[in-house]
Amino acid sequence: MTPAMLRTLREMRDAEKQEDFEDAQIVCSGIECWLGLRCISRRTVYGLLRLMVIKPCWESATEYFEITGTGRSVLERPELEHELQTAILVGKPFTITNEHKIELI
């Protein structure tokens, strides 16, 4: 995960904890994406989607994305990212336990 991806996830989680739900979502319109007042790249958004740490929560002409439980777990336990990438490559369903560990289903 790139530093930009980690920074974006942290900002989303922190805004969510402060109940600032507008700033907890990535908003994309065309090629522009924003998290609060900060412009982020579409590449960052696609990378986060590929790892399933964010999910679309509203689609129209404007797209909205929010952090997932997987994203929160990766922030709690950064080494989970490697296990997550492996689980995605295997292509089997998985779950994340309360101990922030991946279990294939």
N, C-alpha and C. Protein backbone atom coordinates (compact mmCIF):
# COMPACT_ATOMS: atom_id res chain seq x y z
N MET A 1 0.85 -1.16 0.00
CA MET A 1 0.00 0.00 0.00
C MET A 1 0.90 1.23 0.00
N THR A 2 0.57 2.18 -0.83
CA THR A 2 1.40 3.37 -0.94
C THR A 2 1.16 4.30 0.26
N PRO A 3 2.10 5.22 0.51
CA PRO A 3 1.89 6.19 1.58
C PRO A 3 0.62 7.02 1.37
N ALA A 4 0.31 7.35 0.12
CA ALA A 4 -0.91 8.12 -0.17
C ALA A 4 -2.16 7.33 0.19
N MET A 5 -2.13 6.03 -0.06
CA MET A 5 -3.27 5.18 0.28
C MET A 5 -3.45 5.10 1.81
N LEU A 6 -2.36 4.91 2.52
CA LEU A 6 -2.42 4.84 3.99
C LEU A 6 -2.91 6.16 4.58
N ARG A 7 -2.39 7.26 4.06
CA ARG A 7 -2.80 8.58 4.54
C ARG A 7 -4.30 8.78 4.33
N THR A 8 -4.77 8.40 3.16
CA THR A 8 -6.19 8.55 2.85
C THR A 8 -7.04 7.72 3.80
N LEU A 9 -6.66 6.46 4.01
CA LEU A 9 -7.40 5.60 4.95
C LEU A 9 -7.41 6.17 6.35
N ARG A 10 -6.26 6.65 6.81
CA ARG A 10 -6.19 7.23 8.17
C ARG A 10 -7.11 8.43 8.30
N GLU A 11 -7.10 9.30 7.28
CA GLU A 11 -7.95 10.48 7.32
C GLU A 11 -9.43 10.10 7.33
N MET A 12 -9.79 9.08 6.55
CA MET A 12 -11.17 8.62 6.52
C MET A 12 -11.58 8.08 7.89
N ARG A 13 -10.72 7.23 8.49
CA ARG A 13 -11.01 6.67 9.80
C ARG A 13 -11.11 7.75 10.87
N ASP A 14 -10.18 8.70 10.84
CA ASP A 14 -10.18 9.77 11.85
C ASP A 14 -11.42 10.64 11.75
N ALA A 15 -11.83 10.97 10.53
CA ALA A 15 -13.03 11.79 10.34
C ALA A 15 -14.26 11.02 10.81
N GLU A 16 -14.27 9.72 10.54
CA GLU A 16 -15.39 8.88 10.98
C GLU A 16 -15.47 8.84 12.51
N LYS A 17 -14.32 8.72 13.17
CA LYS A 17 -14.29 8.69 14.64
C LYS A 17 -14.81 10.00 15.23
N GLN A 18 -14.56 11.10 14.52
CA GLN A 18 -15.03 12.41 14.99
C GLN A 18 -16.46 12.69 14.54
N GLU A 19 -17.08 11.68 13.91
CA GLU A 19 -18.43 11.78 13.38
C GLU A 19 -18.58 12.89 12.36
N ASP A 20 -17.50 13.14 11.63
CA ASP A 20 -17.50 14.09 10.52
C ASP A 20 -17.67 13.27 9.24
N PHE A 21 -18.87 12.77 9.03
CA PHE A 21 -19.11 11.78 7.99
C PHE A 21 -18.92 12.32 6.57
N GLU A 22 -19.11 13.61 6.37
CA GLU A 22 -18.87 14.17 5.04
C GLU A 22 -17.39 14.07 4.67
N ASP A 23 -16.52 14.36 5.63
CA ASP A 23 -15.08 14.28 5.37
C ASP A 23 -14.54 12.87 5.50
N ALA A 24 -15.40 11.93 5.87
CA ALA A 24 -14.99 10.52 5.97
C ALA A 24 -15.20 9.79 4.65
N GLN A 25 -15.75 10.48 3.65
CA GLN A 25 -16.01 9.86 2.35
C GLN A 25 -15.15 10.50 1.26
N ILE A 26 -14.72 9.66 0.34
CA ILE A 26 -14.07 10.15 -0.88
C ILE A 26 -15.19 10.47 -1.87
N VAL A 27 -15.09 11.62 -2.49
CA VAL A 27 -16.08 12.05 -3.47
C VAL A 27 -15.37 12.22 -4.81
N CYS A 28 -15.86 11.52 -5.84
CA CYS A 28 -15.26 11.59 -7.17
C CYS A 28 -16.29 12.06 -8.19
N SER A 29 -15.87 12.96 -9.02
CA SER A 29 -16.69 13.43 -10.13
C SER A 29 -15.77 13.57 -11.32
N GLY A 30 -16.02 12.76 -12.34
CA GLY A 30 -15.10 12.76 -13.48
C GLY A 30 -13.75 12.23 -13.04
N ILE A 31 -12.70 12.97 -13.35
CA ILE A 31 -11.36 12.52 -12.97
C ILE A 31 -10.90 13.09 -11.63
N GLU A 32 -11.71 13.97 -11.03
CA GLU A 32 -11.34 14.58 -9.76
C GLU A 32 -11.92 13.80 -8.59
N CYS A 33 -11.08 13.59 -7.57
CA CYS A 33 -11.51 12.94 -6.33
C CYS A 33 -11.06 13.80 -5.16
N TRP A 34 -11.91 13.87 -4.16
CA TRP A 34 -11.64 14.70 -2.99
C TRP A 34 -11.95 13.93 -1.71
N LEU A 35 -11.11 14.16 -0.72
CA LEU A 35 -11.37 13.71 0.64
C LEU A 35 -11.34 14.97 1.49
N GLY A 36 -12.50 15.45 1.88
CA GLY A 36 -12.56 16.75 2.53
C GLY A 36 -12.12 17.81 1.54
N LEU A 37 -11.14 18.59 1.92
CA LEU A 37 -10.63 19.65 1.05
C LEU A 37 -9.39 19.22 0.28
N ARG A 38 -8.97 17.98 0.46
CA ARG A 38 -7.74 17.50 -0.20
C ARG A 38 -8.08 16.69 -1.45
N CYS A 39 -7.45 17.09 -2.54
CA CYS A 39 -7.59 16.37 -3.81
C CYS A 39 -6.72 15.11 -3.76
N ILE A 40 -7.30 13.97 -4.12
CA ILE A 40 -6.53 12.73 -4.18
C ILE A 40 -6.65 12.15 -5.59
N SER A 41 -5.71 11.33 -5.96
CA SER A 41 -5.69 10.80 -7.33
C SER A 41 -6.67 9.64 -7.48
N ARG A 42 -7.18 9.49 -8.69
CA ARG A 42 -8.04 8.37 -9.01
C ARG A 42 -7.28 7.06 -8.81
N ARG A 43 -5.97 7.12 -9.08
CA ARG A 43 -5.12 5.94 -8.91
C ARG A 43 -5.15 5.46 -7.45
N THR A 44 -5.13 6.39 -6.52
CA THR A 44 -5.22 6.05 -5.11
C THR A 44 -6.56 5.39 -4.81
N VAL A 45 -7.63 5.96 -5.35
CA VAL A 45 -8.97 5.39 -5.14
C VAL A 45 -9.05 3.98 -5.70
N TYR A 46 -8.54 3.77 -6.91
CA TYR A 46 -8.57 2.44 -7.52
C TYR A 46 -7.75 1.44 -6.71
N GLY A 47 -6.60 1.88 -6.19
CA GLY A 47 -5.77 1.00 -5.37
C GLY A 47 -6.49 0.59 -4.10
N LEU A 48 -7.19 1.52 -3.47
CA LEU A 48 -7.94 1.21 -2.26
C LEU A 48 -9.11 0.27 -2.56
N LEU A 49 -9.76 0.49 -3.70
CA LEU A 49 -10.85 -0.41 -4.10
C LEU A 49 -10.34 -1.82 -4.37
N ARG A 50 -9.19 -1.91 -5.03
CA ARG A 50 -8.61 -3.21 -5.37
C ARG A 50 -8.32 -4.03 -4.11
N LEU A 51 -7.93 -3.35 -3.04
CA LEU A 51 -7.64 -4.02 -1.77
C LEU A 51 -8.90 -4.20 -0.91
N MET A 52 -10.02 -3.70 -1.40
CA MET A 52 -11.30 -3.81 -0.70
C MET A 52 -11.29 -3.12 0.66
N VAL A 53 -10.53 -2.04 0.79
CA VAL A 53 -10.49 -1.30 2.04
C VAL A 53 -11.43 -0.09 1.99
N ILE A 54 -11.99 0.20 0.81
CA ILE A 54 -13.07 1.16 0.67
C ILE A 54 -14.15 0.52 -0.20
N LYS A 55 -15.36 1.07 -0.14
CA LYS A 55 -16.45 0.55 -0.97
C LYS A 55 -17.28 1.72 -1.47
N PRO A 56 -17.90 1.53 -2.64
CA PRO A 56 -18.80 2.58 -3.12
C PRO A 56 -20.04 2.61 -2.24
N CYS A 57 -20.50 3.80 -1.90
CA CYS A 57 -21.70 3.89 -1.07
C CYS A 57 -22.79 4.70 -1.74
N TRP A 58 -22.48 5.31 -2.87
CA TRP A 58 -23.49 6.07 -3.60
C TRP A 58 -22.96 6.30 -4.99
N GLU A 59 -23.77 6.02 -5.99
CA GLU A 59 -23.33 6.28 -7.36
C GLU A 59 -24.39 7.06 -8.09
N SER A 60 -23.96 8.07 -8.73
CA SER A 60 -24.75 8.86 -9.65
C SER A 60 -23.71 9.49 -10.55
N ALA A 61 -23.88 10.73 -10.93
CA ALA A 61 -22.82 11.41 -11.67
C ALA A 61 -21.61 11.60 -10.76
N THR A 62 -21.87 11.63 -9.46
CA THR A 62 -20.81 11.75 -8.46
C THR A 62 -20.72 10.43 -7.71
N GLU A 63 -19.50 9.95 -7.50
CA GLU A 63 -19.29 8.69 -6.78
C GLU A 63 -18.82 8.99 -5.36
N TYR A 64 -19.30 8.21 -4.41
CA TYR A 64 -18.90 8.35 -3.01
C TYR A 64 -18.36 7.00 -2.54
N PHE A 65 -17.29 7.06 -1.75
CA PHE A 65 -16.67 5.84 -1.23
C PHE A 65 -16.45 6.01 0.27
N GLU A 66 -16.64 4.90 1.02
CA GLU A 66 -16.41 4.93 2.46
C GLU A 66 -15.48 3.79 2.85
N ILE A 67 -14.85 3.95 4.00
CA ILE A 67 -13.93 2.93 4.50
C ILE A 67 -14.72 1.69 4.92
N THR A 68 -14.10 0.53 4.75
CA THR A 68 -14.73 -0.74 5.14
C THR A 68 -14.10 -1.24 6.45
N GLY A 69 -14.68 -2.28 6.99
CA GLY A 69 -14.10 -2.92 8.16
C GLY A 69 -12.71 -3.46 7.86
N THR A 70 -12.51 -3.91 6.62
CA THR A 70 -11.18 -4.37 6.20
C THR A 70 -10.18 -3.23 6.29
N GLY A 71 -10.60 -2.05 5.84
CA GLY A 71 -9.72 -0.88 5.90
C GLY A 71 -9.35 -0.52 7.32
N ARG A 72 -10.33 -0.58 8.21
CA ARG A 72 -10.06 -0.29 9.62
C ARG A 72 -9.09 -1.32 10.21
N SER A 73 -9.25 -2.60 9.83
CA SER A 73 -8.37 -3.66 10.33
C SER A 73 -6.94 -3.46 9.84
N VAL A 74 -6.77 -3.06 8.59
CA VAL A 74 -5.42 -2.83 8.04
C VAL A 74 -4.74 -1.70 8.80
N LEU A 75 -5.49 -0.68 9.20
CA LEU A 75 -4.90 0.41 9.98
C LEU A 75 -4.53 -0.04 11.38
N GLU A 76 -5.29 -0.97 11.95
CA GLU A 76 -4.99 -1.49 13.28
C GLU A 76 -3.79 -2.43 13.26
N ARG A 77 -3.66 -3.18 12.18
CA ARG A 77 -2.59 -4.17 12.04
C ARG A 77 -2.02 -4.10 10.62
N PRO A 78 -1.04 -3.22 10.37
CA PRO A 78 -0.52 -2.98 9.02
C PRO A 78 -0.01 -4.23 8.30
N GLU A 79 0.51 -5.21 9.03
CA GLU A 79 1.02 -6.42 8.37
C GLU A 79 -0.12 -7.23 7.73
N LEU A 80 -1.34 -6.91 8.07
CA LEU A 80 -2.51 -7.57 7.47
C LEU A 80 -2.59 -7.31 5.96
N GLU A 81 -2.00 -6.21 5.52
CA GLU A 81 -2.06 -5.88 4.10
C GLU A 81 -1.51 -7.01 3.22
N HIS A 82 -0.37 -7.59 3.60
CA HIS A 82 0.22 -8.68 2.81
C HIS A 82 -0.72 -9.89 2.77
N GLU A 83 -1.28 -10.24 3.92
CA GLU A 83 -2.22 -11.36 3.97
C GLU A 83 -3.45 -11.07 3.12
N LEU A 84 -3.89 -9.83 3.13
CA LEU A 84 -5.05 -9.41 2.35
C LEU A 84 -4.78 -9.57 0.85
N GLN A 85 -3.62 -9.11 0.41
CA GLN A 85 -3.25 -9.24 -1.00
C GLN A 85 -3.20 -10.71 -1.41
N THR A 86 -2.65 -11.55 -0.55
CA THR A 86 -2.57 -12.98 -0.83
C THR A 86 -3.97 -13.59 -0.93
N ALA A 87 -4.84 -13.24 0.00
CA ALA A 87 -6.21 -13.77 -0.01
C ALA A 87 -6.95 -13.34 -1.28
N ILE A 88 -6.74 -12.12 -1.71
CA ILE A 88 -7.40 -11.63 -2.93
C ILE A 88 -6.87 -12.39 -4.15
N LEU A 89 -5.55 -12.63 -4.19
CA LEU A 89 -4.97 -13.37 -5.31
C LEU A 89 -5.45 -14.81 -5.37
N VAL A 90 -5.66 -15.43 -4.21
CA VAL A 90 -6.16 -16.80 -4.16
C VAL A 90 -7.56 -16.86 -4.74
N GLY A 91 -8.32 -15.79 -4.57
CA GLY A 91 -9.64 -15.71 -5.15
C GLY A 91 -10.73 -16.43 -4.38
N LYS A 92 -10.46 -16.73 -3.14
CA LYS A 92 -11.47 -17.40 -2.31
C LYS A 92 -12.03 -16.38 -1.32
N PRO A 93 -13.28 -16.60 -0.89
CA PRO A 93 -13.84 -15.69 0.11
C PRO A 93 -13.07 -15.79 1.42
N PHE A 94 -13.05 -14.69 2.14
CA PHE A 94 -12.34 -14.66 3.42
C PHE A 94 -13.10 -13.78 4.38
N THR A 95 -12.73 -13.90 5.63
CA THR A 95 -13.27 -13.04 6.67
C THR A 95 -12.11 -12.56 7.53
N ILE A 96 -12.33 -11.46 8.22
CA ILE A 96 -11.32 -10.95 9.13
C ILE A 96 -11.86 -11.11 10.54
N THR A 97 -11.09 -11.78 11.38
CA THR A 97 -11.52 -12.09 12.74
C THR A 97 -11.40 -10.85 13.63
N ASN A 98 -11.91 -10.98 14.84
CA ASN A 98 -11.79 -9.89 15.81
C ASN A 98 -10.34 -9.58 16.16
N GLU A 99 -9.46 -10.55 15.93
CA GLU A 99 -8.03 -10.35 16.20
C GLU A 99 -7.32 -9.77 14.98
N HIS A 100 -8.10 -9.31 13.99
CA HIS A 100 -7.56 -8.73 12.77
C HIS A 100 -6.67 -9.72 12.01
N LYS A 101 -7.17 -10.95 11.87
CA LYS A 101 -6.48 -11.98 11.09
C LYS A 101 -7.42 -12.46 10.01
N ILE A 102 -6.84 -12.83 8.87
CA ILE A 102 -7.64 -13.30 7.74
C ILE A 102 -7.83 -14.80 7.84
N GLU A 103 -9.07 -15.23 7.66
CA GLU A 103 -9.39 -16.66 7.59
C GLU A 103 -10.11 -16.91 6.28
N LEU A 104 -9.59 -17.84 5.47
CA LEU A 104 -10.27 -18.22 4.25
C LEU A 104 -11.51 -19.02 4.61
N ILE A 105 -12.57 -18.80 3.87
CA ILE A 105 -13.83 -19.50 4.14
C ILE A 105 -13.93 -20.72 3.25
